[in-house]
Protein backbone atom coordinates (compact mmCIF):
# COMPACT_ATOMS: atom_id res chain seq x y z
CA MET A 1 237.22 9.09 162.18
CA VAL A 2 239.82 10.95 160.20
CA ALA A 3 239.34 10.28 156.47
CA LYS A 4 241.04 11.86 153.52
CA VAL A 5 241.09 11.17 149.79
CA PHE A 6 244.11 11.34 147.56
CA ALA A 7 244.76 10.84 143.94
CA SER A 8 247.66 10.32 141.39
CA VAL A 9 247.64 10.31 137.60
CA ARG A 10 250.79 8.63 136.23
CA ASN A 11 251.43 6.22 133.29
CA SER A 12 252.67 3.72 135.83
CA PHE A 13 250.61 1.99 138.48
CA LEU A 14 253.71 1.76 140.69
CA PHE A 15 254.39 5.48 140.41
CA CYS A 16 250.82 6.27 141.27
CA LEU A 17 251.09 4.23 144.36
CA GLU A 18 254.48 5.70 145.38
CA ASP A 19 252.96 9.27 144.89
CA LEU A 20 249.92 8.30 147.13
CA GLU A 21 252.21 6.70 149.83
CA LYS A 22 254.25 9.82 150.28
CA GLU A 23 251.26 12.04 150.44
CA ILE A 24 249.47 9.78 152.98
CA ARG A 25 252.56 9.50 155.15
CA ARG A 26 252.63 13.27 155.28
CA ASN A 27 249.02 13.39 156.63
CA PHE A 28 248.91 10.15 158.62
CA SER A 29 251.20 8.56 161.13
CA SER A 30 249.00 5.33 160.96
CA TYR A 31 245.74 4.31 159.47
CA ASP A 32 243.24 1.48 159.64
CA PHE A 33 242.04 0.90 156.07
CA LEU A 34 242.57 1.93 152.48
CA ILE A 35 240.25 1.88 149.45
CA PHE A 36 241.59 2.22 145.90
CA SER A 37 239.76 2.96 142.74
CA ILE A 38 241.97 2.06 139.89
CA HIS A 39 241.68 2.74 136.11
CA PRO A 40 241.30 -0.60 134.32
CA SER A 41 244.24 0.29 131.85
CA PHE A 42 246.78 -0.68 134.60
CA PRO A 43 247.71 -4.38 134.56
CA ARG A 44 245.50 -6.12 136.99
CA GLU A 45 247.97 -8.92 137.74
CA ASP A 46 250.25 -6.36 139.37
CA VAL A 47 247.68 -4.66 141.65
CA ASN A 48 247.72 -6.74 144.90
CA GLN A 49 251.48 -7.26 144.78
CA LEU A 50 252.38 -3.63 144.24
CA ILE A 51 249.85 -2.31 146.97
CA GLN A 52 251.37 -4.66 149.49
CA LYS A 53 254.84 -3.79 148.53
CA VAL A 54 254.34 -0.03 148.61
CA PHE A 55 252.04 0.11 151.66
CA GLY A 56 253.05 -2.88 153.66
CA THR A 57 249.40 -3.95 154.36
CA THR A 58 246.71 -6.23 153.44
CA ASN A 59 244.12 -3.92 154.99
CA TYR A 60 242.69 -2.57 151.69
CA LEU A 61 239.97 -3.05 149.09
CA ALA A 62 240.69 -2.18 145.45
CA PHE A 63 238.62 -2.16 142.37
CA SER A 64 238.36 -1.05 138.69
CA SER A 65 236.56 2.08 137.50
CA ILE A 66 236.87 4.04 134.43
CA SER A 67 236.73 7.24 136.35
CA SER A 68 236.87 8.13 140.15
CA PHE A 69 235.79 10.90 142.34
CA TRP A 70 238.60 12.69 144.33
CA ASN A 71 236.71 15.31 146.43
CA GLU A 72 235.53 17.85 143.87
CA LYS A 73 237.57 16.45 141.01
CA ILE A 74 237.08 13.53 138.48
CA ILE A 75 240.06 11.48 137.86
CA GLU A 76 239.83 9.78 134.38
CA LYS A 77 243.01 7.83 134.30
CA GLY A 78 244.83 7.19 137.54
CA VAL A 79 244.36 5.98 141.07
CA VAL A 80 242.21 7.41 143.88
CA CYS A 81 242.70 6.29 147.46
CA CYS A 82 240.60 6.83 150.47
CA VAL A 83 242.39 6.57 153.89
CA MET A 84 240.48 5.92 157.24
CA LYS A 85 241.78 6.21 160.62
CA MET A 86 239.45 5.40 163.58
CA GLU A 87 239.41 7.65 166.54
CA ARG A 88 236.52 6.47 168.70
CA GLU A 89 234.15 3.52 168.68
CA GLY A 90 234.19 2.75 165.03
CA SER A 91 235.67 -0.27 163.14
CA VAL A 92 235.65 -1.66 159.69
CA ASN A 93 235.80 -5.12 158.35
CA LEU A 94 235.74 -6.73 154.96
CA GLN A 95 233.41 -9.64 153.86
CA VAL A 96 234.09 -11.19 150.48
CA LEU A 97 232.25 -13.49 148.21
CA ASP A 98 234.54 -14.90 145.58
CA SER A 99 231.67 -15.84 143.16
CA ILE A 100 227.91 -15.01 143.28
CA PHE A 101 227.43 -18.31 141.30
CA GLU A 102 228.45 -20.53 144.26
CA LYS A 103 225.54 -22.51 145.74
CA GLU A 104 225.28 -20.81 149.06
CA SER A 105 226.43 -17.25 147.97
CA VAL A 106 222.85 -15.73 148.28
CA ASN A 107 222.32 -17.18 151.80
CA GLN A 108 225.79 -16.27 153.08
CA LEU A 109 225.37 -12.63 152.04
CA ALA A 110 221.80 -12.41 153.29
CA ASP A 111 222.76 -13.87 156.60
CA TYR A 112 225.61 -11.41 156.93
CA PHE A 113 223.42 -8.47 156.41
CA ASN A 114 220.85 -9.86 158.91
CA THR A 115 223.54 -10.38 161.54
CA HIS A 116 224.85 -6.93 161.09
CA SER A 117 221.65 -5.04 160.46
CA ASN A 118 222.84 -2.11 162.65
CA SER A 119 226.02 -1.49 160.54
CA PHE A 120 226.49 0.37 157.44
CA HIS A 121 227.63 -1.75 154.35
CA PHE A 122 229.51 -0.32 151.37
CA PHE A 123 228.61 -2.81 148.56
CA LEU A 124 231.05 -3.31 145.71
CA GLY A 125 230.11 -5.98 143.03
CA ASN A 126 231.49 -7.05 139.71
CA TYR A 127 229.42 -6.14 136.74
CA SER A 128 227.58 -9.10 135.05
CA GLU A 129 224.05 -9.70 133.63
CA SER A 130 223.48 -11.95 136.85
CA MET A 131 224.34 -9.45 139.46
CA GLY A 132 220.97 -7.73 139.47
CA PHE A 133 219.13 -10.99 139.98
CA PHE A 134 221.58 -11.88 142.74
CA ILE A 135 220.86 -8.73 144.52
CA GLU A 136 217.08 -9.25 144.36
CA GLU A 137 217.59 -12.88 145.71
CA VAL A 138 219.57 -11.50 148.64
CA SER A 139 216.95 -8.73 149.24
CA SER A 140 214.16 -11.28 149.44
CA ARG A 141 216.12 -13.00 152.30
CA LEU A 142 216.64 -9.83 154.39
CA GLN A 143 214.79 -9.90 157.74
CA TYR A 144 214.80 -6.35 158.81
CA GLN A 145 213.22 -2.94 157.94
CA PRO A 146 213.93 -0.40 156.84
CA VAL A 147 216.66 -1.49 154.34
CA ASN A 148 218.60 1.81 154.48
CA ASN A 149 222.06 0.62 155.45
CA ILE A 150 223.42 -0.74 152.17
CA VAL A 151 224.83 1.48 149.38
CA GLY A 152 227.27 0.88 146.63
CA GLY A 153 227.73 -0.07 143.06
CA LEU A 154 229.25 -2.25 140.31
CA CYS A 155 232.78 -1.83 139.07
CA SER A 156 233.31 -0.36 135.66
CA THR A 157 235.82 -1.09 132.96
CA THR A 158 236.71 -0.31 129.30
CA GLY A 159 235.86 -2.49 126.53
CA VAL A 160 232.75 -4.61 126.03
CA GLN A 161 234.10 -7.98 126.92
CA LYS A 162 236.74 -7.03 129.61
CA LYS A 163 235.44 -8.11 133.06
CA THR A 164 235.62 -5.80 135.98
CA ALA A 165 237.91 -6.50 138.95
CA ILE A 166 237.99 -6.31 142.63
CA PHE A 167 241.28 -6.84 144.40
CA VAL A 168 241.54 -8.13 147.98
CA ASP A 169 244.64 -9.40 149.63
CA ASN A 170 245.95 -11.74 146.92
CA LYS A 171 242.86 -12.37 145.06
CA ILE A 172 241.53 -10.88 141.88
CA ILE A 173 237.74 -11.21 141.93
CA GLU A 174 235.76 -11.16 138.69
CA ASP A 175 232.32 -12.58 139.52
CA GLY A 176 231.81 -11.69 143.13
CA VAL A 177 231.05 -9.19 145.79
CA ALA A 178 233.11 -7.33 148.56
CA ILE A 179 231.27 -5.55 151.46
CA LEU A 180 233.07 -3.02 153.56
CA SER A 181 231.17 -2.83 156.79
CA PHE A 182 231.26 0.02 159.17
CA HIS A 183 230.32 -0.58 162.80
CA GLY A 184 229.77 2.27 165.22
CA PHE A 185 228.89 4.89 162.79
CA ASP A 186 226.07 7.26 162.22
CA VAL A 187 225.12 7.14 158.65
CA ALA A 188 222.62 8.79 156.19
CA THR A 189 222.03 7.64 152.59
CA GLY A 190 220.27 9.26 149.64
CA ILE A 191 219.25 8.19 146.17
CA SER A 192 219.26 11.03 143.60
CA LEU A 193 217.31 10.32 140.46
CA GLY A 194 216.03 13.45 138.53
CA PHE A 195 214.36 11.54 135.61
CA GLN A 196 210.64 12.22 135.24
CA PRO A 197 208.39 9.66 133.51
CA TYR A 198 206.26 10.57 130.59
CA GLY A 199 204.04 9.08 127.87
CA ILE A 200 202.21 5.74 127.70
CA THR A 201 202.62 2.91 130.15
CA TYR A 202 204.10 -0.32 128.56
CA THR A 203 203.65 -3.79 129.97
CA ILE A 204 206.47 -6.35 129.29
CA ALA A 205 204.81 -9.32 127.63
CA LYS A 206 208.12 -11.18 127.03
CA GLY A 207 211.37 -10.52 128.97
CA GLU A 208 214.49 -12.58 129.28
CA GLY A 209 217.23 -11.70 131.79
CA VAL A 210 218.19 -8.20 130.83
CA LYS A 211 216.21 -8.12 127.58
CA ILE A 212 212.75 -6.84 126.54
CA VAL A 213 211.48 -8.96 123.58
CA SER A 214 207.88 -7.67 123.25
CA VAL A 215 205.46 -5.45 125.04
CA ASP A 216 201.75 -5.09 125.56
CA ASP A 217 199.83 -7.46 123.11
CA GLY A 218 203.10 -8.79 121.48
CA LYS A 219 204.54 -5.79 119.85
CA GLU A 220 208.14 -6.29 119.30
CA PHE A 221 210.11 -3.73 121.48
CA TYR A 222 212.93 -3.72 118.97
CA HIS A 223 210.89 -1.78 116.54
CA ILE A 224 209.60 0.61 119.05
CA ALA A 225 213.09 1.31 120.38
CA LYS A 226 214.45 1.65 116.79
CA ASP A 227 211.76 4.42 116.32
CA PHE A 228 213.08 6.31 119.25
CA LEU A 229 216.31 7.11 117.15
CA LYS A 230 214.60 7.53 113.80
CA ASP A 231 215.66 10.49 111.75
CA ILE A 232 218.73 11.08 113.96
CA PRO A 233 221.87 11.28 111.91
CA ASN A 234 224.41 8.60 113.10
CA PRO A 235 222.26 7.22 115.82
CA ASP A 236 224.17 6.15 119.08
CA ILE A 237 222.70 3.99 121.78
CA ARG A 238 224.04 6.67 124.28
CA TYR A 239 221.34 9.14 122.94
CA LEU A 240 218.90 6.90 124.68
CA TRP A 241 220.67 7.32 128.14
CA TYR A 242 218.71 10.55 128.30
CA ALA A 243 215.56 8.51 128.36
CA PRO A 244 216.02 5.40 130.55
CA ILE A 245 212.98 3.25 131.18
CA TYR A 246 211.18 3.95 134.37
CA ILE A 247 209.99 0.64 135.84
CA LEU A 248 206.95 0.90 138.25
CA ASP A 249 206.59 -1.22 141.53
CA GLU A 250 204.39 -4.27 140.73
CA ASP A 251 202.23 -3.61 143.77
CA GLU A 252 202.03 -0.08 144.59
CA GLY A 253 202.99 1.76 141.33
CA TYR A 254 205.88 4.05 142.63
CA LEU A 255 209.24 3.98 140.99
CA ALA A 256 210.95 0.57 141.44
CA THR A 257 213.98 1.34 139.40
CA LEU A 258 215.47 2.92 136.15
CA ARG A 259 217.01 0.86 133.44
CA THR A 260 219.63 2.14 130.89
CA PHE A 261 219.41 1.01 127.28
CA LYS A 262 222.59 -1.26 126.35
CA SER A 263 221.90 -2.30 122.82
CA ILE A 264 218.94 -2.59 120.31
CA LYS A 265 218.92 -6.06 118.41
CA GLU A 266 216.27 -7.93 116.50
CA ASP A 267 215.97 -10.47 119.20
CA GLY A 268 215.28 -8.03 121.85
CA VAL A 269 216.45 -4.73 123.49
CA GLU A 270 219.09 -5.16 126.14
CA PHE A 271 219.49 -3.11 129.32
CA TYR A 272 222.03 -2.79 132.15
CA GLY A 273 219.84 -4.67 134.76
CA PRO A 274 217.12 -7.27 135.21
CA ILE A 275 213.85 -7.25 133.18
CA LYS A 276 210.84 -9.31 134.19
CA LYS A 277 207.70 -10.25 132.40
CA GLY A 278 204.62 -8.39 133.66
CA GLN A 279 206.51 -5.31 134.75
CA LYS A 280 205.02 -1.90 133.73
CA PHE A 281 207.28 0.86 132.69
CA LYS A 282 207.25 4.39 131.09
CA LEU A 283 210.06 6.24 129.28
CA SER A 284 211.67 9.02 131.28
CA PHE A 285 213.75 12.09 130.56
CA ALA A 286 216.20 14.27 132.22
CA GLY A 287 218.80 16.86 131.32
CA PRO A 288 221.82 18.24 133.32
CA GLU A 289 219.77 20.78 135.26
CA GLU A 290 217.06 18.32 136.40
CA ILE A 291 219.75 15.85 137.62
CA LEU A 292 221.65 18.55 139.46
CA ASN A 293 218.56 20.03 141.21
CA GLU A 294 217.77 16.50 142.49
CA ASP A 295 221.23 16.10 143.70
CA LYS A 296 220.97 19.33 145.72
CA ARG A 297 217.50 18.38 147.02
CA VAL A 298 218.75 14.91 148.24
CA ALA A 299 221.90 16.34 149.74
CA THR A 300 220.10 18.97 151.55
CA GLU A 301 217.48 16.43 152.88
CA ILE A 302 220.11 14.13 154.35
CA LYS A 303 222.58 16.45 155.73
CA PRO A 304 220.81 17.14 159.03
CA GLN A 305 220.58 13.38 159.82
CA VAL A 306 224.40 13.30 160.22
CA PRO A 307 225.84 16.67 161.29
CA TYR A 308 229.59 17.31 160.65
CA PRO A 309 230.02 14.07 158.59
CA GLU A 310 233.56 12.72 158.29
CA LEU A 311 233.47 11.05 154.91
CA THR A 312 231.09 10.99 151.84
CA PHE A 313 230.72 7.97 149.48
CA ASN A 314 229.30 8.72 146.07
CA VAL A 315 228.48 6.07 143.42
CA SER A 316 227.22 7.63 140.18
CA CYS A 317 226.23 5.81 136.85
CA VAL A 318 228.36 6.08 133.85
CA ALA A 319 225.12 6.80 131.84
CA ARG A 320 224.28 9.54 134.22
CA GLN A 321 227.58 11.14 133.86
CA TYR A 322 227.06 11.10 130.03
CA VAL A 323 223.83 12.95 130.43
CA LEU A 324 225.42 15.54 132.71
CA GLU A 325 227.64 16.42 129.60
CA ASP A 326 230.07 19.23 130.54
CA LYS A 327 228.49 19.58 134.01
CA GLN A 328 229.73 16.31 135.43
CA HIS A 329 231.95 18.01 138.03
CA LYS A 330 229.01 19.98 139.33
CA GLU A 331 227.38 16.85 141.00
CA ILE A 332 230.31 16.37 143.22
CA ASP A 333 230.67 20.09 143.74
CA ILE A 334 227.12 19.97 145.10
CA TYR A 335 227.95 17.20 147.54
CA THR A 336 231.29 18.55 148.75
CA ASN A 337 229.73 21.98 149.27
CA ILE A 338 226.81 20.75 151.28
CA PHE A 339 228.46 18.03 153.27
CA ASN A 340 231.71 19.80 153.79
CA THR A 341 233.84 16.61 153.99
CA HIS A 342 236.21 14.52 151.80
CA LEU A 343 234.50 12.62 149.05
CA PHE A 344 235.26 9.17 147.50
CA GLY A 345 233.46 7.51 144.75
CA PHE A 346 233.40 6.24 141.23
CA PHE A 347 231.57 5.82 137.78
CA SER A 348 229.49 2.58 138.11
CA PHE A 349 227.85 0.15 135.70
CA GLY A 350 224.93 -0.02 138.26
CA GLU A 351 224.15 1.35 141.68
CA VAL A 352 223.04 -0.76 144.59
CA GLY A 353 220.81 0.65 147.28
CA PRO A 354 217.23 0.68 148.73
CA ASP A 355 214.15 1.32 146.82
CA SER A 356 212.32 4.73 147.43
CA LYS A 357 210.20 3.20 150.34
CA TYR A 358 213.30 1.38 151.92
CA ASN A 359 211.56 -1.96 151.61
CA ARG A 360 213.95 -3.78 149.36
CA LEU A 361 217.45 -3.71 148.05
CA LYS A 362 217.70 -2.92 144.28
CA LEU A 363 220.18 -2.56 141.38
CA PHE A 364 219.59 0.81 139.89
CA ASN A 365 220.83 2.57 136.66
CA GLU A 366 221.36 6.29 136.05
CA THR A 367 221.18 7.22 139.74
CA SER A 368 223.67 8.83 142.11
CA LEU A 369 223.81 7.11 145.54
CA VAL A 370 225.32 9.02 148.32
CA ALA A 371 226.23 8.09 151.99
CA ILE A 372 227.55 10.44 154.71
CA LEU A 373 229.42 8.78 157.79
CA ARG A 374 230.51 9.97 161.16
CA GLU A 375 232.04 7.72 163.77
CA LYS A 376 230.16 7.59 166.97
């Protein structure tokens, strides 16, 4: 496969696409598929029509993201495009669920993964409080091990109420999932955490959806979380992004997932992912250096599994990028340096991938998920 990544930063979505089309035409006489990461400030009702007008194809997947990765650069307001041209045995195809709330959506996606268990799947979902539970339901129906072939994330957007968007053909999807499947590829995936647990272990006494109401013997978690920010001038919920909760596996005690603080309210503390009664968790902490060291360790570990990769996908949490501070670009510097290939990715509102034992599919927070691919 020949894969390259291009970017354009213009005030007009049309101008961005025209810039990209010219650059792609200089590098490719033809291609098989396009992936677009689009800043949410561009009018979403124009996206499908303009992509088809400029590129003359429906072989694309597009989605909203507040920032995107263009090789070793972060594009904060523009469009990033990944172009793929197959050369050997590989192929790609797109599977779409318009809504995760449709009755058979869980079974449909699980059946698709079970049927194509030897393929790699790039998972793209809309952000909602229900998405994490949907992913867990799909995971419970997977009939193969290890679950190491699904990596992706949830689109991101600006504004608290504005929904994320996935663009496919003439559809704008706001509550669904798009799966880009790669058949005939060697793939290696990695999960970079970097956060270390500390302190006492809490047990969720009352949890509702994405909210912890009380812990242990009924202590209101609202008061505990509020104390975390005590004596800090102008407290901001983002300060707690340095200390996501570290949820332990119910059976074996290893890390199941991280959860990022979303809001602290009297009726409960909200997170960017599912919470369940009975789960045990600790607080965790990381700074930029701990995160970057973990990125390097993970990249070095998976590189030998796919020598000379042809494309890298990277999905990294918005909160993780906040914690990286002025070292945000160093994460993708590490990946491009070690993998020596073009990199496409985005800032996510949640990352989708396997747990550390590759037993189950999970929705993570504050991770960096990476996949390297080479066509067979």
